[in-house]
C-alpha atoms as a PDB file:
ATOM      1  CA  MET A   1     -16.452  55.499 136.173  1.00  0.00           C
ATOM      2  CA  ASN A   2     -15.941  58.927 137.758  1.00  0.00           C
ATOM      3  CA  GLU A   3     -13.734  60.790 135.278  1.00  0.00           C
ATOM      4  CA  LEU A   4     -12.522  64.290 136.101  1.00  0.00           C
ATOM      5  CA  ILE A   5     -14.107  67.192 134.194  1.00  0.00           C
ATOM      6  CA  SER A   6     -12.095  70.415 133.960  1.00  0.00           C
ATOM      7  CA  VAL A   7     -14.354  73.481 133.787  1.00  0.00           C
ATOM      8  CA  ILE A   8     -12.561  76.585 132.490  1.00  0.00           C
ATOM      9  CA  VAL A   9     -14.065  79.963 133.433  1.00  0.00           C
ATOM     10  CA  PRO A  10     -12.389  83.087 131.994  1.00  0.00           C
ATOM     11  CA  VAL A  11     -13.202  86.033 134.290  1.00  0.00           C
ATOM     12  CA  TYR A  12     -13.087  89.715 133.425  1.00  0.00           C
ATOM     13  CA  ASN A  13     -15.033  92.521 135.133  1.00  0.00           C
ATOM     14  CA  VAL A  14     -18.209  90.546 135.848  1.00  0.00           C
ATOM     15  CA  GLU A  15     -18.663  91.279 139.554  1.00  0.00           C
ATOM     16  CA  ASP A  16     -22.451  91.567 139.147  1.00  0.00           C
ATOM     17  CA  TYR A  17     -22.826  88.089 137.623  1.00  0.00           C
ATOM     18  CA  LEU A  18     -19.884  86.006 138.819  1.00  0.00           C
ATOM     19  CA  CYS A  19     -21.465  84.616 141.993  1.00  0.00           C
ATOM     20  CA  GLN A  20     -24.465  83.273 140.076  1.00  0.00           C
ATOM     21  CA  CYS A  21     -22.111  81.656 137.565  1.00  0.00           C
ATOM     22  CA  LEU A  22     -19.892  80.004 140.180  1.00  0.00           C
ATOM     23  CA  ASP A  23     -22.813  78.899 142.358  1.00  0.00           C
ATOM     24  CA  SER A  24     -24.355  77.126 139.354  1.00  0.00           C
ATOM     25  CA  ILE A  25     -21.096  75.237 138.758  1.00  0.00           C
ATOM     26  CA  LEU A  26     -20.730  74.266 142.411  1.00  0.00           C
ATOM     27  CA  ARG A  27     -24.318  72.923 142.422  1.00  0.00           C
ATOM     28  CA  GLN A  28     -23.593  70.422 139.664  1.00  0.00           C
ATOM     29  CA  SER A  29     -24.953  66.943 140.318  1.00  0.00           C
ATOM     30  CA  TYR A  30     -21.683  65.606 138.869  1.00  0.00           C
ATOM     31  CA  LYS A  31     -19.146  66.359 141.574  1.00  0.00           C
ATOM     32  CA  ASN A  32     -15.749  65.333 140.198  1.00  0.00           C
ATOM     33  CA  LEU A  33     -14.792  68.734 138.819  1.00  0.00           C
ATOM     34  CA  GLN A  34     -11.638  70.790 138.464  1.00  0.00           C
ATOM     35  CA  ILE A  35     -12.902  74.387 138.336  1.00  0.00           C
ATOM     36  CA  ILE A  36     -10.291  76.718 136.835  1.00  0.00           C
ATOM     37  CA  LEU A  37     -10.996  80.432 137.274  1.00  0.00           C
ATOM     38  CA  VAL A  38      -8.752  82.581 135.084  1.00  0.00           C
ATOM     39  CA  ASP A  39      -8.949  86.188 136.283  1.00  0.00           C
ATOM     40  CA  ASP A  40      -7.889  88.081 133.164  1.00  0.00           C
ATOM     41  CA  GLY A  41      -6.718  91.279 134.845  1.00  0.00           C
ATOM     42  CA  SER A  42     -10.116  92.369 136.170  1.00  0.00           C
ATOM     43  CA  THR A  43     -10.283  95.945 137.451  1.00  0.00           C
ATOM     44  CA  ASP A  44     -13.456  95.461 139.511  1.00  0.00           C
ATOM     45  CA  GLN A  45     -14.089  93.027 142.401  1.00  0.00           C
ATOM     46  CA  SER A  46     -14.101  89.914 140.201  1.00  0.00           C
ATOM     47  CA  GLY A  47     -10.613  88.793 141.249  1.00  0.00           C
ATOM     48  CA  LYS A  48     -11.498  89.134 144.925  1.00  0.00           C
ATOM     49  CA  ILE A  49     -14.708  87.135 144.414  1.00  0.00           C
ATOM     50  CA  CYS A  50     -12.653  84.366 142.785  1.00  0.00           C
ATOM     51  CA  ASP A  51     -10.344  84.256 145.835  1.00  0.00           C
ATOM     52  CA  GLU A  52     -13.308  84.072 148.205  1.00  0.00           C
ATOM     53  CA  TYR A  53     -14.793  81.137 146.323  1.00  0.00           C
ATOM     54  CA  GLY A  54     -11.405  79.437 146.248  1.00  0.00           C
ATOM     55  CA  LYS A  55     -11.474  79.359 150.052  1.00  0.00           C
ATOM     56  CA  LYS A  56     -14.924  77.734 150.038  1.00  0.00           C
ATOM     57  CA  ASP A  57     -14.256  74.787 147.730  1.00  0.00           C
ATOM     58  CA  LYS A  58     -11.020  72.874 147.196  1.00  0.00           C
ATOM     59  CA  ARG A  59     -12.043  71.993 143.622  1.00  0.00           C
ATOM     60  CA  ILE A  60     -11.516  75.632 142.610  1.00  0.00           C
ATOM     61  CA  GLU A  61      -8.131  76.713 141.224  1.00  0.00           C
ATOM     62  CA  ILE A  62      -7.486  80.414 140.617  1.00  0.00           C
ATOM     63  CA  ILE A  63      -5.097  81.991 138.134  1.00  0.00           C
ATOM     64  CA  HIS A  64      -4.594  85.771 138.198  1.00  0.00           C
ATOM     65  CA  LYS A  65      -2.967  87.165 135.065  1.00  0.00           C
ATOM     66  CA  ALA A  66      -2.541  90.368 133.087  1.00  0.00           C
ATOM     67  CA  ASN A  67      -5.336  91.119 130.673  1.00  0.00           C
ATOM     68  CA  GLY A  68      -4.912  89.241 127.411  1.00  0.00           C
ATOM     69  CA  GLY A  69      -8.462  88.734 126.209  1.00  0.00           C
ATOM     70  CA  LEU A  70     -10.890  85.833 126.198  1.00  0.00           C
ATOM     71  CA  SER A  71      -8.848  83.549 123.943  1.00  0.00           C
ATOM     72  CA  ASP A  72      -5.703  84.000 126.015  1.00  0.00           C
ATOM     73  CA  ALA A  73      -7.592  83.297 129.247  1.00  0.00           C
ATOM     74  CA  ARG A  74      -9.080  80.109 127.780  1.00  0.00           C
ATOM     75  CA  ASN A  75      -5.644  78.981 126.572  1.00  0.00           C
ATOM     76  CA  VAL A  76      -4.183  79.536 130.046  1.00  0.00           C
ATOM     77  CA  GLY A  77      -7.030  77.476 131.489  1.00  0.00           C
ATOM     78  CA  LEU A  78      -6.444  74.697 128.957  1.00  0.00           C
ATOM     79  CA  ALA A  79      -2.771  74.554 129.902  1.00  0.00           C
ATOM     80  CA  SER A  80      -3.772  73.911 133.532  1.00  0.00           C
ATOM     81  CA  ALA A  81      -6.594  71.450 132.848  1.00  0.00           C
ATOM     82  CA  THR A  82      -5.968  67.859 133.935  1.00  0.00           C
ATOM     83  CA  GLY A  83      -9.423  66.355 133.354  1.00  0.00           C
ATOM     84  CA  LYS A  84     -10.293  63.629 130.872  1.00  0.00           C
ATOM     85  CA  PHE A  85     -13.111  65.933 129.750  1.00  0.00           C
ATOM     86  CA  ILE A  86     -13.128  69.715 129.351  1.00  0.00           C
ATOM     87  CA  ALA A  87     -15.880  72.344 129.428  1.00  0.00           C
ATOM     88  CA  PHE A  88     -16.038  76.136 129.191  1.00  0.00           C
ATOM     89  CA  VAL A  89     -18.374  78.551 130.961  1.00  0.00           C
ATOM     90  CA  ASP A  90     -18.392  82.302 130.333  1.00  0.00           C
ATOM     91  CA  SER A  91     -18.347  84.094 133.662  1.00  0.00           C
ATOM     92  CA  ASP A  92     -21.525  86.127 133.124  1.00  0.00           C
ATOM     93  CA  ASP A  93     -23.515  82.987 132.220  1.00  0.00           C
ATOM     94  CA  TYR A  94     -24.866  80.150 134.376  1.00  0.00           C
ATOM     95  CA  ILE A  95     -25.771  76.490 133.927  1.00  0.00           C
ATOM     96  CA  ALA A  96     -28.419  73.969 134.974  1.00  0.00           C
ATOM     97  CA  ASP A  97     -27.575  71.625 137.852  1.00  0.00           C
ATOM     98  CA  THR A  98     -27.453  68.479 135.677  1.00  0.00           C
ATOM     99  CA  LEU A  99     -25.501  69.858 132.705  1.00  0.00           C
ATOM    100  CA  TYR A 100     -22.305  67.838 133.049  1.00  0.00           C
ATOM    101  CA  GLU A 101     -23.990  64.681 134.324  1.00  0.00           C
ATOM    102  CA  THR A 102     -26.244  64.770 131.243  1.00  0.00           C
ATOM    103  CA  LEU A 103     -23.546  65.534 128.659  1.00  0.00           C
ATOM    104  CA  LEU A 104     -21.124  62.973 130.062  1.00  0.00           C
ATOM    105  CA  GLY A 105     -23.924  60.416 129.906  1.00  0.00           C
ATOM    106  CA  LYS A 106     -24.500  61.257 126.228  1.00  0.00           C
ATOM    107  CA  ILE A 107     -20.794  60.819 125.461  1.00  0.00           C
ATOM    108  CA  ARG A 108     -20.733  57.432 127.172  1.00  0.00           C
ATOM    109  CA  LEU A 109     -23.927  56.337 125.434  1.00  0.00           C
ATOM    110  CA  SER A 110     -22.946  57.428 121.915  1.00  0.00           C
ATOM    111  CA  ASN A 111     -19.151  57.124 122.072  1.00  0.00           C
ATOM    112  CA  ALA A 112     -18.985  60.583 120.464  1.00  0.00           C
ATOM    113  CA  PRO A 113     -16.066  62.759 121.654  1.00  0.00           C
ATOM    114  CA  ILE A 114     -18.246  65.879 122.017  1.00  0.00           C
ATOM    115  CA  ALA A 115     -21.727  66.346 123.471  1.00  0.00           C
ATOM    116  CA  MET A 116     -23.706  69.559 122.997  1.00  0.00           C
ATOM    117  CA  CYS A 117     -26.873  70.907 124.610  1.00  0.00           C
ATOM    118  CA  GLY A 118     -29.290  73.708 123.793  1.00  0.00           C
ATOM    119  CA  PHE A 119     -29.198  77.082 125.522  1.00  0.00           C
ATOM    120  CA  TRP A 120     -31.481  79.836 126.714  1.00  0.00           C
ATOM    121  CA  ALA A 121     -30.568  83.395 125.836  1.00  0.00           C
ATOM    122  CA  VAL A 122     -31.348  85.539 128.890  1.00  0.00           C
ATOM    123  CA  ASP A 123     -31.296  89.269 129.530  1.00  0.00           C
ATOM    124  CA  GLU A 124     -29.229  90.996 132.212  1.00  0.00           C
ATOM    125  CA  GLY A 125     -31.837  90.108 134.841  1.00  0.00           C
ATOM    126  CA  GLY A 126     -32.019  86.447 133.801  1.00  0.00           C
ATOM    127  CA  LYS A 127     -35.317  86.637 131.889  1.00  0.00           C
ATOM    128  CA  LYS A 128     -35.426  84.145 129.010  1.00  0.00           C
ATOM    129  CA  ILE A 129     -35.411  85.448 125.419  1.00  0.00           C
ATOM    130  CA  PRO A 130     -36.864  82.559 123.364  1.00  0.00           C
ATOM    131  CA  GLU A 131     -36.301  84.161 119.949  1.00  0.00           C
ATOM    132  CA  ARG A 132     -32.532  84.403 120.599  1.00  0.00           C
ATOM    133  CA  SER A 133     -32.194  80.955 122.140  1.00  0.00           C
ATOM    134  CA  SER A 134     -30.895  77.834 120.416  1.00  0.00           C
ATOM    135  CA  SER A 135     -32.808  75.990 117.713  1.00  0.00           C
ATOM    136  CA  ASP A 136     -34.465  72.693 118.578  1.00  0.00           C
ATOM    137  CA  PHE A 137     -32.024  70.303 116.948  1.00  0.00           C
ATOM    138  CA  LYS A 138     -33.211  66.731 116.650  1.00  0.00           C
ATOM    139  CA  GLU A 139     -31.606  64.682 119.423  1.00  0.00           C
ATOM    140  CA  GLY A 140     -28.989  62.204 118.321  1.00  0.00           C
ATOM    141  CA  ARG A 141     -25.521  61.513 117.009  1.00  0.00           C
ATOM    142  CA  TYR A 142     -24.417  63.654 114.055  1.00  0.00           C
ATOM    143  CA  THR A 143     -21.540  62.828 111.725  1.00  0.00           C
ATOM    144  CA  LYS A 144     -19.014  65.580 111.111  1.00  0.00           C
ATOM    145  CA  GLN A 145     -20.329  65.855 107.539  1.00  0.00           C
ATOM    146  CA  GLU A 146     -23.825  66.576 108.888  1.00  0.00           C
ATOM    147  CA  VAL A 147     -22.400  69.132 111.316  1.00  0.00           C
ATOM    148  CA  PHE A 148     -20.490  70.929 108.558  1.00  0.00           C
ATOM    149  CA  GLU A 149     -23.611  71.053 106.395  1.00  0.00           C
ATOM    150  CA  ARG A 150     -25.714  72.478 109.243  1.00  0.00           C
ATOM    151  CA  LEU A 151     -23.047  75.140 109.849  1.00  0.00           C
ATOM    152  CA  SER A 152     -24.122  77.011 106.710  1.00  0.00           C
ATOM    153  CA  PHE A 153     -27.656  77.686 107.968  1.00  0.00           C
ATOM    154  CA  ASP A 154     -28.730  80.717 110.004  1.00  0.00           C
ATOM    155  CA  ASP A 155     -28.650  78.719 113.253  1.00  0.00           C
ATOM    156  CA  GLY A 156     -25.185  77.336 112.496  1.00  0.00           C
ATOM    157  CA  TRP A 157     -23.695  79.582 115.185  1.00  0.00           C
ATOM    158  CA  ASN A 158     -25.463  77.365 117.769  1.00  0.00           C
ATOM    159  CA  LEU A 159     -22.952  74.682 116.793  1.00  0.00           C
ATOM    160  CA  VAL A 160     -19.918  76.963 116.860  1.00  0.00           C
ATOM    161  CA  VAL A 161     -19.960  78.364 120.417  1.00  0.00           C
ATOM    162  CA  VAL A 162     -17.749  76.389 122.821  1.00  0.00           C
ATOM    163  CA  TRP A 163     -19.636  76.904 126.089  1.00  0.00           C
ATOM    164  CA  ASN A 164     -22.616  74.594 125.525  1.00  0.00           C
ATOM    165  CA  LYS A 165     -20.489  71.480 125.079  1.00  0.00           C
ATOM    166  CA  LEU A 166     -18.458  68.840 126.887  1.00  0.00           C
ATOM    167  CA  TYR A 167     -15.275  67.755 125.117  1.00  0.00           C
ATOM    168  CA  SER A 168     -13.128  64.686 125.315  1.00  0.00           C
ATOM    169  CA  ARG A 169      -9.654  66.006 126.069  1.00  0.00           C
ATOM    170  CA  LYS A 170      -8.135  64.376 122.988  1.00  0.00           C
ATOM    171  CA  VAL A 171     -10.011  66.667 120.548  1.00  0.00           C
ATOM    172  CA  LEU A 172      -8.603  69.789 122.225  1.00  0.00           C
ATOM    173  CA  GLU A 173      -5.022  68.634 122.739  1.00  0.00           C
ATOM    174  CA  ARG A 174      -3.520  70.458 119.742  1.00  0.00           C
ATOM    175  CA  LEU A 175      -6.007  73.317 119.476  1.00  0.00           C
ATOM    176  CA  TRP A 176      -5.569  76.823 120.842  1.00  0.00           C
ATOM    177  CA  PHE A 177      -7.865  79.802 120.620  1.00  0.00           C
ATOM    178  CA  PRO A 178      -6.471  82.626 118.417  1.00  0.00           C
ATOM    179  CA  THR A 179      -5.466  85.532 120.630  1.00  0.00           C
ATOM    180  CA  GLY A 180      -6.490  89.077 119.827  1.00  0.00           C
ATOM    181  CA  LYS A 181      -9.522  87.983 117.814  1.00  0.00           C
ATOM    182  CA  LEU A 182     -13.265  88.232 118.263  1.00  0.00           C
ATOM    183  CA  HIS A 183     -15.362  85.255 117.113  1.00  0.00           C
ATOM    184  CA  GLU A 184     -12.595  83.016 118.417  1.00  0.00           C
ATOM    185  CA  ASP A 185     -14.951  80.012 118.510  1.00  0.00           C
ATOM    186  CA  GLN A 186     -15.508  80.252 114.760  1.00  0.00           C
ATOM    187  CA  TYR A 187     -11.783  80.183 114.035  1.00  0.00           C
ATOM    188  CA  ILE A 188     -11.265  76.788 115.674  1.00  0.00           C
ATOM    189  CA  PHE A 189     -14.601  75.146 114.832  1.00  0.00           C
ATOM    190  CA  CYS A 190     -13.664  73.317 111.629  1.00  0.00           C
ATOM    191  CA  ASP A 191     -10.379  72.050 113.087  1.00  0.00           C
ATOM    192  CA  LEU A 192     -12.241  70.931 116.192  1.00  0.00           C
ATOM    193  CA  ILE A 193     -14.936  69.007 114.329  1.00  0.00           C
ATOM    194  CA  SER A 194     -12.367  67.535 111.927  1.00  0.00           C
ATOM    195  CA  ALA A 195     -10.708  65.908 114.939  1.00  0.00           C
ATOM    196  CA  CYS A 196     -13.970  64.016 115.630  1.00  0.00           C
ATOM    197  CA  ASP A 197     -15.968  61.389 113.811  1.00  0.00           C
ATOM    198  CA  SER A 198     -19.236  62.634 115.336  1.00  0.00           C
ATOM    199  CA  ILE A 199     -20.921  64.862 117.912  1.00  0.00           C
ATOM    200  CA  TYR A 200     -23.947  64.099 120.078  1.00  0.00           C
ATOM    201  CA  ILE A 201     -26.609  66.832 120.294  1.00  0.00           C
ATOM    202  CA  THR A 202     -29.462  67.167 122.739  1.00  0.00           C
ATOM    203  CA  PRO A 203     -31.849  70.092 122.227  1.00  0.00           C
ATOM    204  CA  LYS A 204     -32.573  70.325 125.957  1.00  0.00           C
ATOM    205  CA  LYS A 205     -31.505  73.729 127.217  1.00  0.00           C
ATOM    206  CA  PHE A 206     -29.039  73.385 130.103  1.00  0.00           C
ATOM    207  CA  TYR A 207     -26.991  76.553 129.511  1.00  0.00           C
ATOM    208  CA  CYS A 208     -28.068  80.175 130.081  1.00  0.00           C
ATOM    209  CA  TYR A 209     -26.298  82.652 127.806  1.00  0.00           C
ATOM    210  CA  ARG A 210     -26.559  86.201 129.111  1.00  0.00           C
ATOM    211  CA  GLN A 211     -26.984  89.037 126.609  1.00  0.00           C
ATOM    212  CA  ARG A 212     -25.588  92.256 128.097  1.00  0.00           C
ATOM    213  CA  LYS A 213     -26.112  95.703 126.642  1.00  0.00           C
ATOM    214  CA  ASN A 214     -22.475  96.699 127.208  1.00  0.00           C
ATOM    215  CA  SER A 215     -20.945  93.557 125.714  1.00  0.00           C
ATOM    216  CA  ILE A 216     -18.648  93.730 122.675  1.00  0.00           C
ATOM    217  CA  MET A 217     -21.142  91.895 120.469  1.00  0.00           C
ATOM    218  CA  ALA A 218     -23.946  94.288 121.422  1.00  0.00           C
ATOM    219  CA  GLY A 219     -21.825  97.376 120.751  1.00  0.00           C
ATOM    220  CA  ILE A 220     -21.086  99.304 117.583  1.00  0.00           C
ATOM    221  CA  TYR A 221     -19.929  97.444 114.486  1.00  0.00           C
ATOM    222  CA  ASP A 222     -16.242  98.287 114.434  1.00  0.00           C
ATOM    223  CA  MET A 223     -13.090  96.908 112.839  1.00  0.00           C
ATOM    224  CA  ARG A 224     -12.812  94.074 115.337  1.00  0.00           C
ATOM    225  CA  ARG A 225     -16.106  92.651 114.119  1.00  0.00           C
ATOM    226  CA  LEU A 226     -14.463  91.968 110.753  1.00  0.00           C
ATOM    227  CA  ASP A 227     -12.784  89.029 112.502  1.00  0.00           C
ATOM    228  CA  GLU A 228     -16.008  87.133 111.786  1.00  0.00           C
ATOM    229  CA  VAL A 229     -15.474  87.536 108.031  1.00  0.00           C
ATOM    230  CA  GLU A 230     -11.930  86.243 108.393  1.00  0.00           C
ATOM    231  CA  ALA A 231     -13.181  83.276 110.439  1.00  0.00           C
ATOM    232  CA  ILE A 232     -15.900  82.388 107.907  1.00  0.00           C
ATOM    233  CA  LEU A 233     -13.405  82.593 105.043  1.00  0.00           C
ATOM    234  CA  TYR A 234     -11.168  80.210 107.007  1.00  0.00           C
ATOM    235  CA  GLN A 235     -14.141  77.870 107.356  1.00  0.00           C
ATOM    236  CA  CYS A 236     -14.850  78.132 103.613  1.00  0.00           C
ATOM    237  CA  GLU A 237     -11.253  77.264 102.792  1.00  0.00           C
ATOM    238  CA  HIS A 238     -11.459  74.273 105.134  1.00  0.00           C
ATOM    239  CA  LEU A 239     -14.752  73.054 103.647  1.00  0.00           C
ATOM    240  CA  LYS A 240     -13.784  73.244  99.963  1.00  0.00           C
ATOM    241  CA  GLY A 241     -14.399  69.825  98.482  1.00  0.00           C
ATOM    242  CA  VAL A 242     -15.865  68.587 101.779  1.00  0.00           C
ATOM    243  CA  VAL A 243     -19.410  69.928 101.446  1.00  0.00           C
ATOM    244  CA  GLY A 244     -21.709  70.361  98.468  1.00  0.00           C
ATOM    245  CA  LYS A 245     -21.919  73.506  96.351  1.00  0.00           C
ATOM    246  CA  ASP A 246     -25.222  74.575  97.937  1.00  0.00           C
ATOM    247  CA  VAL A 247     -23.671  74.476 101.423  1.00  0.00           C
ATOM    248  CA  PHE A 248     -20.574  76.318 100.258  1.00  0.00           C
ATOM    249  CA  CYS A 249     -22.675  79.037  98.586  1.00  0.00           C
ATOM    250  CA  ARG A 250     -24.583  79.644 101.825  1.00  0.00           C
ATOM    251  CA  MET A 251     -21.261  80.140 103.611  1.00  0.00           C
ATOM    252  CA  GLU A 252     -20.173  82.461 100.795  1.00  0.00           C
ATOM    253  CA  LYS A 253     -23.297  84.573 101.233  1.00  0.00           C
ATOM    254  CA  LYS A 254     -22.626  84.915 104.968  1.00  0.00           C
ATOM    255  CA  ALA A 255     -19.165  86.311 104.265  1.00  0.00           C
ATOM    256  CA  PHE A 256     -20.555  88.559 101.526  1.00  0.00           C
ATOM    257  CA  TYR A 257     -23.247  89.972 103.807  1.00  0.00           C
ATOM    258  CA  LEU A 258     -20.747  90.719 106.592  1.00  0.00           C
ATOM    259  CA  LEU A 259     -18.355  92.431 104.193  1.00  0.00           C
ATOM    260  CA  GLN A 260     -21.190  94.605 102.940  1.00  0.00           C
ATOM    261  CA  LYS A 261     -22.143  95.370 106.539  1.00  0.00           C
ATOM    262  CA  GLY A 262     -18.550  96.394 107.166  1.00  0.00           C
ATOM    263  CA  LEU A 263     -18.681  98.755 104.197  1.00  0.00           C
ATOM    264  CA  ASP A 264     -21.865 100.328 105.534  1.00  0.00           C
ATOM    265  CA  GLU A 265     -21.084 100.537 109.251  1.00  0.00           C
ATOM    266  CA  ILE A 266     -17.373 100.982 109.859  1.00  0.00           C
ATOM    267  CA  ALA A 267     -16.377 104.622 110.196  1.00  0.00           C
ATOM    268  CA  ASP A 268     -12.705 104.066 111.040  1.00  0.00           C
ATOM    269  CA  PRO A 269     -10.601 104.953 107.946  1.00  0.00           C
ATOM    270  CA  ARG A 270      -8.227 102.112 108.864  1.00  0.00           C
ATOM    271  CA  GLY A 271     -11.098  99.752 108.091  1.00  0.00           C
ATOM    272  CA  VAL A 272     -10.762 100.508 104.373  1.00  0.00           C
ATOM    273  CA  ALA A 273      -7.438  98.666 104.055  1.00  0.00           C
ATOM    274  CA  ARG A 274      -8.676  95.705 106.058  1.00  0.00           C
ATOM    275  CA  ILE A 275     -11.946  95.397 104.139  1.00  0.00           C
ATOM    276  CA  ASN A 276     -10.052  95.503 100.848  1.00  0.00           C
ATOM    277  CA  ALA A 277      -7.673  92.801 102.120  1.00  0.00           C
ATOM    278  CA  LEU A 278     -10.669  90.651 103.096  1.00  0.00           C
ATOM    279  CA  ILE A 279     -12.240  91.203  99.679  1.00  0.00           C
ATOM    280  CA  ILE A 280      -9.035  89.913  98.059  1.00  0.00           C
ATOM    281  CA  ALA A 281      -9.134  86.895 100.396  1.00  0.00           C
ATOM    282  CA  TYR A 282     -12.830  86.413  99.581  1.00  0.00           C
ATOM    283  CA  LYS A 283     -12.124  86.286  95.853  1.00  0.00           C
ATOM    284  CA  ARG A 284      -9.240  83.854  96.405  1.00  0.00           C
ATOM    285  CA  VAL A 285     -11.200  81.486  98.642  1.00  0.00           C
ATOM    286  CA  ILE A 286     -14.415  81.531  96.624  1.00  0.00           C
ATOM    287  CA  THR A 287     -12.707  80.811  93.270  1.00  0.00           C
ATOM    288  CA  GLY A 288     -14.768  78.236  91.392  1.00  0.00           C
ATOM    289  CA  PHE A 289     -17.922  79.011  93.351  1.00  0.00           C
ATOM    290  CA  PHE A 290     -17.970  82.747  92.735  1.00  0.00           C
ATOM    291  CA  SER A 291     -21.688  83.482  92.327  1.00  0.00           C
ATOM    292  CA  LEU A 292     -21.720  86.941  93.936  1.00  0.00           C
ATOM    293  CA  LYS A 293     -20.048  90.052  92.572  1.00  0.00           C
ATOM    294  CA  LEU A 294     -18.066  91.948  95.156  1.00  0.00           C
ATOM    295  CA  TYR A 295     -16.091  95.094  94.360  1.00  0.00           C
ATOM    296  CA  SER A 296     -13.279  96.741  96.257  1.00  0.00           C
ATOM    297  CA  ILE A 297     -14.203 100.010  97.945  1.00  0.00           C
ATOM    298  CA  GLU A 298     -12.593 101.961  95.108  1.00  0.00           C
ATOM    299  CA  GLU A 299     -14.468  99.973  92.446  1.00  0.00           C
ATOM    300  CA  ALA A 300     -17.752 100.306  94.309  1.00  0.00           C
ATOM    301  CA  ALA A 301     -17.262 104.050  94.766  1.00  0.00           C
ATOM    302  CA  CYS A 302     -16.766 104.607  91.046  1.00  0.00           C
ATOM    303  CA  ARG A 303     -19.657 102.357  90.032  1.00  0.00           C
ATOM    304  CA  TYR A 304     -22.111 103.866  92.527  1.00  0.00           C
ATOM    305  CA  ALA A 305     -21.048 107.405  91.653  1.00  0.00           C
ATOM    306  CA  VAL A 306     -21.424 106.731  87.919  1.00  0.00           C
ATOM    307  CA  ARG A 307     -24.821 105.112  88.424  1.00  0.00           C
ATOM    308  CA  LEU A 308     -26.372 107.677  90.786  1.00  0.00           C
ATOM    309  CA  GLY A 309     -24.167 110.691  90.330  1.00  0.00           C
ATOM    310  CA  TYR A 310     -21.841 112.596  92.615  1.00  0.00           C
ATOM    311  CA  GLY A 311     -24.599 115.116  93.319  1.00  0.00           C
ATOM    312  CA  TYR A 312     -26.797 112.411  94.856  1.00  0.00           C
ATOM    313  CA  TYR A 313     -24.214 111.549  97.486  1.00  0.00           C
ATOM    314  CA  LYS A 314     -23.344 115.172  98.141  1.00  0.00           C
ATOM    315  CA  SER A 315     -27.007 116.178  98.636  1.00  0.00           C
ATOM    316  CA  HIS A 316     -27.627 113.321 101.061  1.00  0.00           C
ATOM    317  CA  ALA A 317     -24.427 113.660 103.083  1.00  0.00           C
ATOM    318  CA  GLU A 318     -25.830 116.036 105.700  1.00  0.00           C
ATOM    319  CA  LYS A 319     -28.956 113.892 106.240  1.00  0.00           C
ATOM    320  CA  ILE A 320     -26.935 110.973 107.555  1.00  0.00           C
ATOM    321  CA  GLN A 321     -25.933 110.724 111.189  1.00  0.00           C
ATOM    322  CA  ARG A 322     -22.335 111.709 111.803  1.00  0.00           C
ATOM    323  CA  GLY A 323     -19.989 108.953 112.929  1.00  0.00           C
ATOM    324  CA  LYS A 324     -21.640 106.282 110.813  1.00  0.00           C
ATOM    325  CA  GLY A 325     -19.536 104.414 108.298  1.00  0.00           C
ATOM    326  CA  ILE A 326     -21.770 105.545 105.458  1.00  0.00           C
ATOM    327  CA  LEU A 327     -20.715 109.157 106.013  1.00  0.00           C
ATOM    328  CA  TYR A 328     -17.093 108.128 105.670  1.00  0.00           C
ATOM    329  CA  LYS A 329     -18.057 106.260 102.500  1.00  0.00           C
ATOM    330  CA  ILE A 330     -19.590 109.436 101.090  1.00  0.00           C
ATOM    331  CA  VAL A 331     -16.360 111.358 101.673  1.00  0.00           C
ATOM    332  CA  TRP A 332     -14.417 108.470 100.149  1.00  0.00           C
ATOM    333  CA  ILE A 333     -16.743 108.323  97.134  1.00  0.00           C
ATOM    334  CA  GLN A 334     -16.435 112.079  96.587  1.00  0.00           C
ATOM    335  CA  ARG A 335     -12.665 111.825  96.576  1.00  0.00           C
ATOM    336  CA  ILE A 336     -12.651 108.810  94.238  1.00  0.00           C
ATOM    337  CA  TRP A 337     -15.268 110.453  92.002  1.00  0.00           C
ATOM    338  CA  GLU A 338     -13.203 113.598  91.670  1.00  0.00           C
ATOM    339  CA  LYS A 339     -10.090 111.560  90.910  1.00  0.00           C
ATOM    340  CA  TRP A 340     -11.984 109.451  88.373  1.00  0.00           C
ATOM    341  CA  ILE A 341     -13.437 112.506  86.593  1.00  0.00           C
ATOM    342  CA  TYR A 342     -10.022 114.227  86.609  1.00  0.00           C
ATOM    343  CA  GLU A 343      -8.291 111.194  85.092  1.00  0.00           C
ATOM    344  CA  LYS A 344     -11.078 110.827  82.539  1.00  0.00           C
ATOM    345  CA  LEU A 345     -10.643 114.458  81.465  1.00  0.00           C
ATOM    346  CA  ILE A 346      -6.867 114.070  81.265  1.00  0.00           C
ATOM    347  CA  ARG A 347      -7.228 111.004  79.048  1.00  0.00           C
ATOM    348  CA  ARG A 348      -9.797 112.777  76.866  1.00  0.00           C
ATOM    349  CA  ASN A 349      -7.491 115.776  76.334  1.00  0.00           C
END
């Protein structure tokens, strides 16, 4: 059988890497491909490169659209996909020549609706970074219960990313990536795996995931990065009663750590309201498993100020680099401290 595979490639300002990406797809040993390039409003030469490749190979379809972000570009590609199987490639990455032949073979062999391979993390020049590459999963067919349990470990993100997999179309039919969010893969992961009975995993590394210095994930920790907390809390809500308490607690700790990181790193005052909203969601989702104590920013400010003293924060304020979230926290703590002391004095008198 020679089923069609639709390969969706969202493209945005990657003129330095796009040719390598597209050449690796065109070199695939499995030839029956629909290659959908979604130019997401690129402002460099990426759109022109797409058009040039479209003239070279009739399997390539090009969609030019206004910028809407990665999720929106993937959704547009999904709407145009006609293959029995679907794959995603990020346009600054590249793949081994036998990727789709191998993964399709695994699906046929195991009758699993999804097949996943390992990946190499590479730097901007293509040099491999072993310590950031995928874990060596044991090869074989995993039940969705086993996948959910592995999700809670440090290498669980290897399972979540969409680009190192081949999907049967039926598991993606009612799923769309959430627009306007980072960590979009994490949002859909539990729904995606719930639509399957199993997934086949090979640890062989057929995908090269480029780590760029100017990428969003390599940049400063800003409000958008809190999307990961929201996504993990969604996963926790989904997994309640599905996985054991030990697995759930590991997921809880991930969310806790990221919330604390948000408190420490985010300088934008608007982040305060969002972090507090996520803390409320955290307490709601974790009810019954609540092993970690997490305070709102106001509660934390009062407790830290009482424990260490307002003078401690004031004396250290100028030693901390400006623009960091911690400096904003100091200002916030000072304000809360003063309010707390004032109210205490009022009550006393």
